[in-house]
């Protein structure tokens, strides 16, 4: 993505709705044809330990410390800024999954 307005800035990308991680995962599972597959959760203390240990024993760990920190943040995306810099039509998550 190239835009003079975006030069040197970090712009959040999101959609017109606020979703939880569970809603996102369940939507993806439904789109993949397995809507009844249960979503499992790991206790966050265990996730923090794994984020430190896995990079030492795996070449390409499934997640890292920065991703764990991001999972714990709840920061809504300013879609008006996104629209100003990149004039795009935002569609709901479920609709985007159907198009995919």
PDB file of N, CA and C in Angstrom:
ATOM      1  N   UNK A   1       0.845  -1.179   0.000  1.00  0.00           N
ATOM      2  CA  UNK A   1       0.000   0.000   0.000  1.00  0.00           C
ATOM      3  C   UNK A   1       0.884   1.234   0.000  1.00  0.00           C
ATOM      4  N   UNK A   2       0.615   2.107  -0.915  1.00  0.00           N
ATOM      5  CA  UNK A   2       1.410   3.313  -1.024  1.00  0.00           C
ATOM      6  C   UNK A   2       0.478   4.519  -1.001  1.00  0.00           C
ATOM      7  N   UNK A   3       0.797   5.438  -0.135  1.00  0.00           N
ATOM      8  CA  UNK A   3       0.026   6.673  -0.047  1.00  0.00           C
ATOM      9  C   UNK A   3       0.920   7.725   0.589  1.00  0.00           C
ATOM     10  N   UNK A   4       0.942   8.918   0.009  1.00  0.00           N
ATOM     11  CA  UNK A   4       1.733   9.997   0.595  1.00  0.00           C
ATOM     12  C   UNK A   4       1.265  10.304   2.018  1.00  0.00           C
ATOM     13  N   UNK A   5      -0.043  10.206   2.262  1.00  0.00           N
ATOM     14  CA  UNK A   5      -0.602  10.482   3.590  1.00  0.00           C
ATOM     15  C   UNK A   5      -0.161   9.455   4.629  1.00  0.00           C
ATOM     16  N   UNK A   6       0.208   8.250   4.171  1.00  0.00           N
ATOM     17  CA  UNK A   6       0.604   7.190   5.093  1.00  0.00           C
ATOM     18  C   UNK A   6       2.106   7.169   5.344  1.00  0.00           C
ATOM     19  N   UNK A   7       2.845   7.987   4.620  1.00  0.00           N
ATOM     20  CA  UNK A   7       4.304   7.992   4.725  1.00  0.00           C
ATOM     21  C   UNK A   7       4.760   8.176   6.171  1.00  0.00           C
ATOM     22  N   UNK A   8       5.527   7.230   6.684  1.00  0.00           N
ATOM     23  CA  UNK A   8       6.095   7.327   8.019  1.00  0.00           C
ATOM     24  C   UNK A   8       5.095   7.150   9.155  1.00  0.00           C
ATOM     25  N   UNK A   9       3.912   6.649   8.859  1.00  0.00           N
ATOM     26  CA  UNK A   9       2.885   6.474   9.891  1.00  0.00           C
ATOM     27  C   UNK A   9       2.468   5.015   9.990  1.00  0.00           C
ATOM     28  N   UNK A  10       1.953   4.654  11.130  1.00  0.00           N
ATOM     29  CA  UNK A  10       1.346   3.346  11.323  1.00  0.00           C
ATOM     30  C   UNK A  10      -0.156   3.571  11.377  1.00  0.00           C
ATOM     31  N   UNK A  11      -0.876   2.921  10.484  1.00  0.00           N
ATOM     32  CA  UNK A  11      -2.318   3.095  10.408  1.00  0.00           C
ATOM     33  C   UNK A  11      -2.977   1.748  10.653  1.00  0.00           C
ATOM     34  N   UNK A  12      -3.847   1.712  11.645  1.00  0.00           N
ATOM     35  CA  UNK A  12      -4.560   0.477  11.951  1.00  0.00           C
ATOM     36  C   UNK A  12      -5.525   0.110  10.844  1.00  0.00           C
ATOM     37  N   UNK A  13      -5.630  -1.179  10.595  1.00  0.00           N
ATOM     38  CA  UNK A  13      -6.552  -1.672   9.576  1.00  0.00           C
ATOM     39  C   UNK A  13      -7.600  -2.516  10.277  1.00  0.00           C
ATOM     40  N   UNK A  14      -8.842  -2.189  10.032  1.00  0.00           N
ATOM     41  CA  UNK A  14      -9.942  -2.918  10.642  1.00  0.00           C
ATOM     42  C   UNK A  14     -11.175  -2.782   9.798  1.00  0.00           C
ATOM     43  N   UNK A  15     -12.270  -3.223  10.345  1.00  0.00           N
ATOM     44  CA  UNK A  15     -13.532  -3.159   9.617  1.00  0.00           C
ATOM     45  C   UNK A  15     -14.539  -2.309  10.353  1.00  0.00           C
ATOM     46  N   UNK A  16     -15.773  -2.341   9.883  1.00  0.00           N
ATOM     47  CA  UNK A  16     -16.790  -1.467  10.449  1.00  0.00           C
ATOM     48  C   UNK A  16     -17.406  -1.979  11.748  1.00  0.00           C
ATOM     49  N   UNK A  17     -16.874  -3.063  12.295  1.00  0.00           N
ATOM     50  CA  UNK A  17     -17.439  -3.628  13.522  1.00  0.00           C
ATOM     51  C   UNK A  17     -16.316  -4.036  14.471  1.00  0.00           C
ATOM     52  N   UNK A  18     -16.636  -4.109  15.749  1.00  0.00           N
ATOM     53  CA  UNK A  18     -15.669  -4.558  16.752  1.00  0.00           C
ATOM     54  C   UNK A  18     -15.964  -6.016  17.079  1.00  0.00           C
ATOM     55  N   UNK A  19     -14.942  -6.859  16.963  1.00  0.00           N
ATOM     56  CA  UNK A  19     -15.109  -8.297  17.191  1.00  0.00           C
ATOM     57  C   UNK A  19     -14.139  -8.790  18.253  1.00  0.00           C
ATOM     58  N   UNK A  20     -14.559  -9.819  18.971  1.00  0.00           N
ATOM     59  CA  UNK A  20     -13.648 -10.495  19.887  1.00  0.00           C
ATOM     60  C   UNK A  20     -12.850 -11.529  19.098  1.00  0.00           C
ATOM     61  N   UNK A  21     -11.766 -11.998  19.690  1.00  0.00           N
ATOM     62  CA  UNK A  21     -10.977 -13.038  19.035  1.00  0.00           C
ATOM     63  C   UNK A  21     -11.825 -14.304  18.852  1.00  0.00           C
ATOM     64  N   UNK A  22     -12.679 -14.619  19.827  1.00  0.00           N
ATOM     65  CA  UNK A  22     -13.559 -15.785  19.687  1.00  0.00           C
ATOM     66  C   UNK A  22     -14.477 -15.644  18.472  1.00  0.00           C
ATOM     67  N   UNK A  23     -15.043 -14.454  18.271  1.00  0.00           N
ATOM     68  CA  UNK A  23     -15.921 -14.231  17.118  1.00  0.00           C
ATOM     69  C   UNK A  23     -15.156 -14.395  15.810  1.00  0.00           C
ATOM     70  N   UNK A  24     -13.943 -13.919  15.774  1.00  0.00           N
ATOM     71  CA  UNK A  24     -13.129 -14.051  14.559  1.00  0.00           C
ATOM     72  C   UNK A  24     -12.821 -15.514  14.280  1.00  0.00           C
ATOM     73  N   UNK A  25     -12.378 -16.238  15.301  1.00  0.00           N
ATOM     74  CA  UNK A  25     -12.026 -17.654  15.118  1.00  0.00           C
ATOM     75  C   UNK A  25     -13.260 -18.457  14.726  1.00  0.00           C
ATOM     76  N   UNK A  26     -14.382 -18.229  15.393  1.00  0.00           N
ATOM     77  CA  UNK A  26     -15.607 -18.971  15.061  1.00  0.00           C
ATOM     78  C   UNK A  26     -16.075 -18.659  13.645  1.00  0.00           C
ATOM     79  N   UNK A  27     -15.934 -17.410  13.205  1.00  0.00           N
ATOM     80  CA  UNK A  27     -16.291 -17.054  11.833  1.00  0.00           C
ATOM     81  C   UNK A  27     -15.415 -17.771  10.819  1.00  0.00           C
ATOM     82  N   UNK A  28     -14.132 -17.845  11.094  1.00  0.00           N
ATOM     83  CA  UNK A  28     -13.204 -18.539  10.194  1.00  0.00           C
ATOM     84  C   UNK A  28     -13.511 -20.030  10.165  1.00  0.00           C
ATOM     85  N   UNK A  29     -13.786 -20.615  11.333  1.00  0.00           N
ATOM     86  CA  UNK A  29     -14.139 -22.036  11.374  1.00  0.00           C
ATOM     87  C   UNK A  29     -15.407 -22.312  10.576  1.00  0.00           C
ATOM     88  N   UNK A  30     -16.402 -21.455  10.699  1.00  0.00           N
ATOM     89  CA  UNK A  30     -17.649 -21.632   9.954  1.00  0.00           C
ATOM     90  C   UNK A  30     -17.392 -21.534   8.454  1.00  0.00           C
ATOM     91  N   UNK A  31     -16.579 -20.555   8.045  1.00  0.00           N
ATOM     92  CA  UNK A  31     -16.267 -20.390   6.624  1.00  0.00           C
ATOM     93  C   UNK A  31     -15.471 -21.567   6.081  1.00  0.00           C
ATOM     94  N   UNK A  32     -14.682 -22.206   6.954  1.00  0.00           N
ATOM     95  CA  UNK A  32     -13.883 -23.365   6.547  1.00  0.00           C
ATOM     96  C   UNK A  32     -14.700 -24.655   6.552  1.00  0.00           C
ATOM     97  N   UNK A  33     -15.966 -24.556   6.971  1.00  0.00           N
ATOM     98  CA  UNK A  33     -16.829 -25.733   6.939  1.00  0.00           C
ATOM     99  C   UNK A  33     -16.834 -26.548   8.213  1.00  0.00           C
ATOM    100  N   UNK A  34     -16.320 -26.018   9.291  1.00  0.00           N
ATOM    101  CA  UNK A  34     -16.336 -26.756  10.561  1.00  0.00           C
ATOM    102  C   UNK A  34     -16.841 -25.854  11.692  1.00  0.00           C
ATOM    103  N   UNK A  35     -18.118 -25.428  11.592  1.00  0.00           N
ATOM    104  CA  UNK A  35     -18.646 -24.471  12.578  1.00  0.00           C
ATOM    105  C   UNK A  35     -18.792 -25.035  13.982  1.00  0.00           C
ATOM    106  N   UNK A  36     -18.848 -26.363  14.112  1.00  0.00           N
ATOM    107  CA  UNK A  36     -19.055 -26.969  15.430  1.00  0.00           C
ATOM    108  C   UNK A  36     -17.751 -27.305  16.142  1.00  0.00           C
ATOM    109  N   UNK A  37     -16.634 -27.030  15.507  1.00  0.00           N
ATOM    110  CA  UNK A  37     -15.335 -27.324  16.134  1.00  0.00           C
ATOM    111  C   UNK A  37     -15.163 -26.410  17.352  1.00  0.00           C
ATOM    112  N   UNK A  38     -14.852 -26.987  18.506  1.00  0.00           N
ATOM    113  CA  UNK A  38     -14.720 -26.146  19.704  1.00  0.00           C
ATOM    114  C   UNK A  38     -13.470 -25.273  19.654  1.00  0.00           C
ATOM    115  N   UNK A  39     -13.582 -24.106  20.257  1.00  0.00           N
ATOM    116  CA  UNK A  39     -12.447 -23.193  20.368  1.00  0.00           C
ATOM    117  C   UNK A  39     -11.826 -23.423  21.741  1.00  0.00           C
ATOM    118  N   UNK A  40     -10.564 -23.775  21.758  1.00  0.00           N
ATOM    119  CA  UNK A  40      -9.865 -24.080  23.014  1.00  0.00           C
ATOM    120  C   UNK A  40      -9.064 -22.857  23.461  1.00  0.00           C
ATOM    121  N   UNK A  41      -8.942 -22.698  24.762  1.00  0.00           N
ATOM    122  CA  UNK A  41      -8.185 -21.579  25.325  1.00  0.00           C
ATOM    123  C   UNK A  41      -7.074 -22.112  26.225  1.00  0.00           C
ATOM    124  N   UNK A  42      -5.932 -21.482  26.146  1.00  0.00           N
ATOM    125  CA  UNK A  42      -4.833 -21.779  27.057  1.00  0.00           C
ATOM    126  C   UNK A  42      -4.805 -20.701  28.133  1.00  0.00           C
ATOM    127  N   UNK A  43      -4.473 -21.069  29.357  1.00  0.00           N
ATOM    128  CA  UNK A  43      -4.336 -20.039  30.399  1.00  0.00           C
ATOM    129  C   UNK A  43      -3.211 -19.070  30.028  1.00  0.00           C
ATOM    130  N   UNK A  44      -3.442 -17.777  30.220  1.00  0.00           N
ATOM    131  CA  UNK A  44      -2.455 -16.767  29.825  1.00  0.00           C
ATOM    132  C   UNK A  44      -1.094 -16.948  30.499  1.00  0.00           C
ATOM    133  N   UNK A  45      -1.023 -17.360  31.763  1.00  0.00           N
ATOM    134  CA  UNK A  45       0.324 -17.594  32.327  1.00  0.00           C
ATOM    135  C   UNK A  45       1.104 -18.647  31.531  1.00  0.00           C
ATOM    136  N   UNK A  46       0.415 -19.684  31.074  1.00  0.00           N
ATOM    137  CA  UNK A  46       1.071 -20.712  30.263  1.00  0.00           C
ATOM    138  C   UNK A  46       1.500 -20.137  28.914  1.00  0.00           C
ATOM    139  N   UNK A  47       0.671 -19.303  28.316  1.00  0.00           N
ATOM    140  CA  UNK A  47       1.003 -18.682  27.033  1.00  0.00           C
ATOM    141  C   UNK A  47       2.249 -17.808  27.176  1.00  0.00           C
ATOM    142  N   UNK A  48       2.352 -17.068  28.270  1.00  0.00           N
ATOM    143  CA  UNK A  48       3.542 -16.235  28.498  1.00  0.00           C
ATOM    144  C   UNK A  48       4.799 -17.094  28.610  1.00  0.00           C
ATOM    145  N   UNK A  49       4.705 -18.210  29.303  1.00  0.00           N
ATOM    146  CA  UNK A  49       5.849 -19.117  29.427  1.00  0.00           C
ATOM    147  C   UNK A  49       6.228 -19.682  28.061  1.00  0.00           C
ATOM    148  N   UNK A  50       5.223 -20.133  27.310  1.00  0.00           N
ATOM    149  CA  UNK A  50       5.490 -20.690  25.978  1.00  0.00           C
ATOM    150  C   UNK A  50       6.118 -19.653  25.047  1.00  0.00           C
ATOM    151  N   UNK A  51       5.697 -18.398  25.169  1.00  0.00           N
ATOM    152  CA  UNK A  51       6.244 -17.345  24.316  1.00  0.00           C
ATOM    153  C   UNK A  51       7.727 -17.126  24.585  1.00  0.00           C
ATOM    154  N   UNK A  52       8.163 -17.438  25.784  1.00  0.00           N
ATOM    155  CA  UNK A  52       9.593 -17.317  26.106  1.00  0.00           C
ATOM    156  C   UNK A  52      10.376 -18.564  25.718  1.00  0.00           C
ATOM    157  N   UNK A  53       9.756 -19.736  25.895  1.00  0.00           N
ATOM    158  CA  UNK A  53      10.461 -21.001  25.702  1.00  0.00           C
ATOM    159  C   UNK A  53      10.494 -21.441  24.229  1.00  0.00           C
ATOM    160  N   UNK A  54       9.383 -21.315  23.531  1.00  0.00           N
ATOM    161  CA  UNK A  54       9.296 -21.851  22.171  1.00  0.00           C
ATOM    162  C   UNK A  54      10.354 -21.294  21.215  1.00  0.00           C
ATOM    163  N   UNK A  55      10.653 -19.989  21.240  1.00  0.00           N
ATOM    164  CA  UNK A  55      11.694 -19.511  20.312  1.00  0.00           C
ATOM    165  C   UNK A  55      13.062 -20.152  20.559  1.00  0.00           C
ATOM    166  N   UNK A  56      13.300 -20.632  21.768  1.00  0.00           N
ATOM    167  CA  UNK A  56      14.584 -21.274  22.073  1.00  0.00           C
ATOM    168  C   UNK A  56      14.660 -22.698  21.534  1.00  0.00           C
ATOM    169  N   UNK A  57      13.509 -23.324  21.330  1.00  0.00           N
ATOM    170  CA  UNK A  57      13.508 -24.733  20.906  1.00  0.00           C
ATOM    171  C   UNK A  57      12.910 -24.951  19.516  1.00  0.00           C
ATOM    172  N   UNK A  58      12.332 -23.896  18.937  1.00  0.00           N
ATOM    173  CA  UNK A  58      11.725 -24.019  17.608  1.00  0.00           C
ATOM    174  C   UNK A  58      12.283 -22.943  16.686  1.00  0.00           C
ATOM    175  N   UNK A  59      12.503 -23.308  15.451  1.00  0.00           N
ATOM    176  CA  UNK A  59      12.979 -22.337  14.469  1.00  0.00           C
ATOM    177  C   UNK A  59      11.892 -21.316  14.136  1.00  0.00           C
ATOM    178  N   UNK A  60      10.659 -21.766  14.029  1.00  0.00           N
ATOM    179  CA  UNK A  60       9.545 -20.891  13.650  1.00  0.00           C
ATOM    180  C   UNK A  60       8.380 -21.130  14.617  1.00  0.00           C
ATOM    181  N   UNK A  61       8.442 -20.549  15.820  1.00  0.00           N
ATOM    182  CA  UNK A  61       7.390 -20.794  16.813  1.00  0.00           C
ATOM    183  C   UNK A  61       6.046 -20.236  16.347  1.00  0.00           C
ATOM    184  N   UNK A  62       4.937 -20.825  16.815  1.00  0.00           N
ATOM    185  CA  UNK A  62       3.611 -20.377  16.369  1.00  0.00           C
ATOM    186  C   UNK A  62       3.239 -18.980  16.852  1.00  0.00           C
ATOM    187  N   UNK A  63       3.902 -18.495  17.895  1.00  0.00           N
ATOM    188  CA  UNK A  63       3.664 -17.129  18.372  1.00  0.00           C
ATOM    189  C   UNK A  63       4.864 -16.663  19.165  1.00  0.00           C
ATOM    190  N   UNK A  64       4.953 -15.342  19.342  1.00  0.00           N
ATOM    191  CA  UNK A  64       6.066 -14.733  20.060  1.00  0.00           C
ATOM    192  C   UNK A  64       5.533 -13.781  21.126  1.00  0.00           C
ATOM    193  N   UNK A  65       6.436 -13.267  21.959  1.00  0.00           N
ATOM    194  CA  UNK A  65       6.038 -12.386  23.068  1.00  0.00           C
ATOM    195  C   UNK A  65       5.220 -11.185  22.596  1.00  0.00           C
ATOM    196  N   UNK A  66       5.625 -10.562  21.506  1.00  0.00           N
ATOM    197  CA  UNK A  66       4.905  -9.375  21.013  1.00  0.00           C
ATOM    198  C   UNK A  66       3.468  -9.718  20.634  1.00  0.00           C
ATOM    199  N   UNK A  67       3.262 -10.903  20.074  1.00  0.00           N
ATOM    200  CA  UNK A  67       1.912 -11.309  19.704  1.00  0.00           C
ATOM    201  C   UNK A  67       1.061 -11.567  20.944  1.00  0.00           C
ATOM    202  N   UNK A  68       1.667 -12.128  21.976  1.00  0.00           N
ATOM    203  CA  UNK A  68       0.935 -12.372  23.228  1.00  0.00           C
ATOM    204  C   UNK A  68       0.511 -11.034  23.833  1.00  0.00           C
ATOM    205  N   UNK A  69       1.410 -10.070  23.821  1.00  0.00           N
ATOM    206  CA  UNK A  69       1.062  -8.741  24.338  1.00  0.00           C
ATOM    207  C   UNK A  69      -0.076  -8.131  23.530  1.00  0.00           C
ATOM    208  N   UNK A  70      -0.025  -8.274  22.221  1.00  0.00           N
ATOM    209  CA  UNK A  70      -1.076  -7.720  21.361  1.00  0.00           C
ATOM    210  C   UNK A  70      -2.418  -8.394  21.624  1.00  0.00           C
ATOM    211  N   UNK A  71      -2.397  -9.691  21.932  1.00  0.00           N
ATOM    212  CA  UNK A  71      -3.647 -10.407  22.222  1.00  0.00           C
ATOM    213  C   UNK A  71      -4.338  -9.848  23.454  1.00  0.00           C
ATOM    214  N   UNK A  72      -3.571  -9.300  24.362  1.00  0.00           N
ATOM    215  CA  UNK A  72      -4.133  -8.808  25.612  1.00  0.00           C
ATOM    216  C   UNK A  72      -4.608  -7.364  25.511  1.00  0.00           C
ATOM    217  N   UNK A  73      -4.282  -6.697  24.416  1.00  0.00           N
ATOM    218  CA  UNK A  73      -4.703  -5.314  24.247  1.00  0.00           C
ATOM    219  C   UNK A  73      -6.066  -5.262  23.577  1.00  0.00           C
ATOM    220  N   UNK A  74      -6.818  -4.281  23.923  1.00  0.00           N
ATOM    221  CA  UNK A  74      -8.121  -4.074  23.301  1.00  0.00           C
ATOM    222  C   UNK A  74      -8.171  -2.622  22.830  1.00  0.00           C
ATOM    223  N   UNK A  75      -7.629  -2.403  21.652  1.00  0.00           N
ATOM    224  CA  UNK A  75      -7.545  -1.060  21.108  1.00  0.00           C
ATOM    225  C   UNK A  75      -8.342  -1.020  19.807  1.00  0.00           C
ATOM    226  N   UNK A  76      -9.434  -0.269  19.789  1.00  0.00           N
ATOM    227  CA  UNK A  76     -10.200  -0.197  18.544  1.00  0.00           C
ATOM    228  C   UNK A  76      -9.434   0.556  17.459  1.00  0.00           C
ATOM    229  N   UNK A  77      -9.659   0.168  16.237  1.00  0.00           N
ATOM    230  CA  UNK A  77      -9.012   0.806  15.090  1.00  0.00           C
ATOM    231  C   UNK A  77      -9.798   2.053  14.716  1.00  0.00           C
ATOM    232  N   UNK A  78      -9.094   3.139  14.436  1.00  0.00           N
ATOM    233  CA  UNK A  78      -9.729   4.365  13.981  1.00  0.00           C
ATOM    234  C   UNK A  78      -9.999   4.233  12.487  1.00  0.00           C
ATOM    235  N   UNK A  79     -11.195   3.740  12.137  1.00  0.00           N
ATOM    236  CA  UNK A  79     -11.465   3.490  10.720  1.00  0.00           C
ATOM    237  C   UNK A  79     -11.642   4.784   9.922  1.00  0.00           C
ATOM    238  N   UNK A  80     -11.941   5.870  10.595  1.00  0.00           N
ATOM    239  CA  UNK A  80     -12.052   7.141   9.868  1.00  0.00           C
ATOM    240  C   UNK A  80     -10.683   7.560   9.337  1.00  0.00           C
ATOM    241  N   UNK A  81      -9.636   7.353  10.127  1.00  0.00           N
ATOM    242  CA  UNK A  81      -8.282   7.641   9.650  1.00  0.00           C
ATOM    243  C   UNK A  81      -7.933   6.722   8.483  1.00  0.00           C
ATOM    244  N   UNK A  82      -8.283   5.447   8.607  1.00  0.00           N
ATOM    245  CA  UNK A  82      -8.047   4.480   7.536  1.00  0.00           C
ATOM    246  C   UNK A  82      -8.742   4.939   6.258  1.00  0.00           C
ATOM    247  N   UNK A  83      -9.998   5.361   6.371  1.00  0.00           N
ATOM    248  CA  UNK A  83     -10.761   5.812   5.203  1.00  0.00           C
ATOM    249  C   UNK A  83     -10.173   7.087   4.586  1.00  0.00           C
ATOM    250  N   UNK A  84      -9.644   7.994   5.429  1.00  0.00           N
ATOM    251  CA  UNK A  84      -9.040   9.220   4.904  1.00  0.00           C
ATOM    252  C   UNK A  84      -7.791   8.909   4.076  1.00  0.00           C
ATOM    253  N   UNK A  85      -6.983   8.004   4.592  1.00  0.00           N
ATOM    254  CA  UNK A  85      -5.712   7.702   3.928  1.00  0.00           C
ATOM    255  C   UNK A  85      -5.906   6.740   2.761  1.00  0.00           C
ATOM    256  N   UNK A  86      -6.753   5.742   2.944  1.00  0.00           N
ATOM    257  CA  UNK A  86      -7.037   4.758   1.901  1.00  0.00           C
ATOM    258  C   UNK A  86      -8.549   4.724   1.689  1.00  0.00           C
ATOM    259  N   UNK A  87      -9.068   5.449   0.717  1.00  0.00           N
ATOM    260  CA  UNK A  87     -10.512   5.495   0.521  1.00  0.00           C
ATOM    261  C   UNK A  87     -11.047   4.153   0.003  1.00  0.00           C
ATOM    262  N   UNK A  88     -11.411   3.295   0.930  1.00  0.00           N
ATOM    263  CA  UNK A  88     -11.914   1.963   0.592  1.00  0.00           C
ATOM    264  C   UNK A  88     -13.277   1.763   1.243  1.00  0.00           C
ATOM    265  N   UNK A  89     -14.046   0.842   0.684  1.00  0.00           N
ATOM    266  CA  UNK A  89     -15.309   0.459   1.292  1.00  0.00           C
ATOM    267  C   UNK A  89     -15.037  -0.680   2.267  1.00  0.00           C
ATOM    268  N   UNK A  90     -15.408  -0.483   3.511  1.00  0.00           N
ATOM    269  CA  UNK A  90     -15.212  -1.517   4.526  1.00  0.00           C
ATOM    270  C   UNK A  90     -16.480  -2.358   4.615  1.00  0.00           C
ATOM    271  N   UNK A  91     -16.307  -3.673   4.671  1.00  0.00           N
ATOM    272  CA  UNK A  91     -17.463  -4.566   4.759  1.00  0.00           C
ATOM    273  C   UNK A  91     -17.379  -5.367   6.046  1.00  0.00           C
ATOM    274  N   UNK A  92     -18.521  -5.805   6.567  1.00  0.00           N
ATOM    275  CA  UNK A  92     -18.511  -6.609   7.795  1.00  0.00           C
ATOM    276  C   UNK A  92     -17.714  -7.902   7.606  1.00  0.00           C
ATOM    277  N   UNK A  93     -17.180  -8.402   8.707  1.00  0.00           N
ATOM    278  CA  UNK A  93     -16.329  -9.594   8.706  1.00  0.00           C
ATOM    279  C   UNK A  93     -17.029 -10.797   8.077  1.00  0.00           C
ATOM    280  N   UNK A  94     -18.268 -11.043   8.485  1.00  0.00           N
ATOM    281  CA  UNK A  94     -19.007 -12.191   7.948  1.00  0.00           C
ATOM    282  C   UNK A  94     -19.185 -12.105   6.442  1.00  0.00           C
ATOM    283  N   UNK A  95     -19.434 -10.908   5.945  1.00  0.00           N
ATOM    284  CA  UNK A  95     -19.597 -10.708   4.505  1.00  0.00           C
ATOM    285  C   UNK A  95     -18.265 -10.950   3.789  1.00  0.00           C
ATOM    286  N   UNK A  96     -17.172 -10.498   4.388  1.00  0.00           N
ATOM    287  CA  UNK A  96     -15.848 -10.714   3.792  1.00  0.00           C
ATOM    288  C   UNK A  96     -15.529 -12.200   3.732  1.00  0.00           C
ATOM    289  N   UNK A  97     -15.904 -12.952   4.755  1.00  0.00           N
ATOM    290  CA  UNK A  97     -15.651 -14.394   4.755  1.00  0.00           C
ATOM    291  C   UNK A  97     -16.435 -15.087   3.640  1.00  0.00           C
ATOM    292  N   UNK A  98     -17.657 -14.635   3.401  1.00  0.00           N
ATOM    293  CA  UNK A  98     -18.470 -15.229   2.316  1.00  0.00           C
ATOM    294  C   UNK A  98     -17.825 -14.980   0.967  1.00  0.00           C
ATOM    295  N   UNK A  99     -17.256 -13.785   0.782  1.00  0.00           N
ATOM    296  CA  UNK A  99     -16.601 -13.474  -0.483  1.00  0.00           C
ATOM    297  C   UNK A  99     -15.322 -14.270  -0.674  1.00  0.00           C
ATOM    298  N   UNK A 100     -14.675 -14.615   0.444  1.00  0.00           N
ATOM    299  CA  UNK A 100     -13.429 -15.357   0.365  1.00  0.00           C
ATOM    300  C   UNK A 100     -13.712 -16.765  -0.112  1.00  0.00           C
TER     301      UNK A 100
END
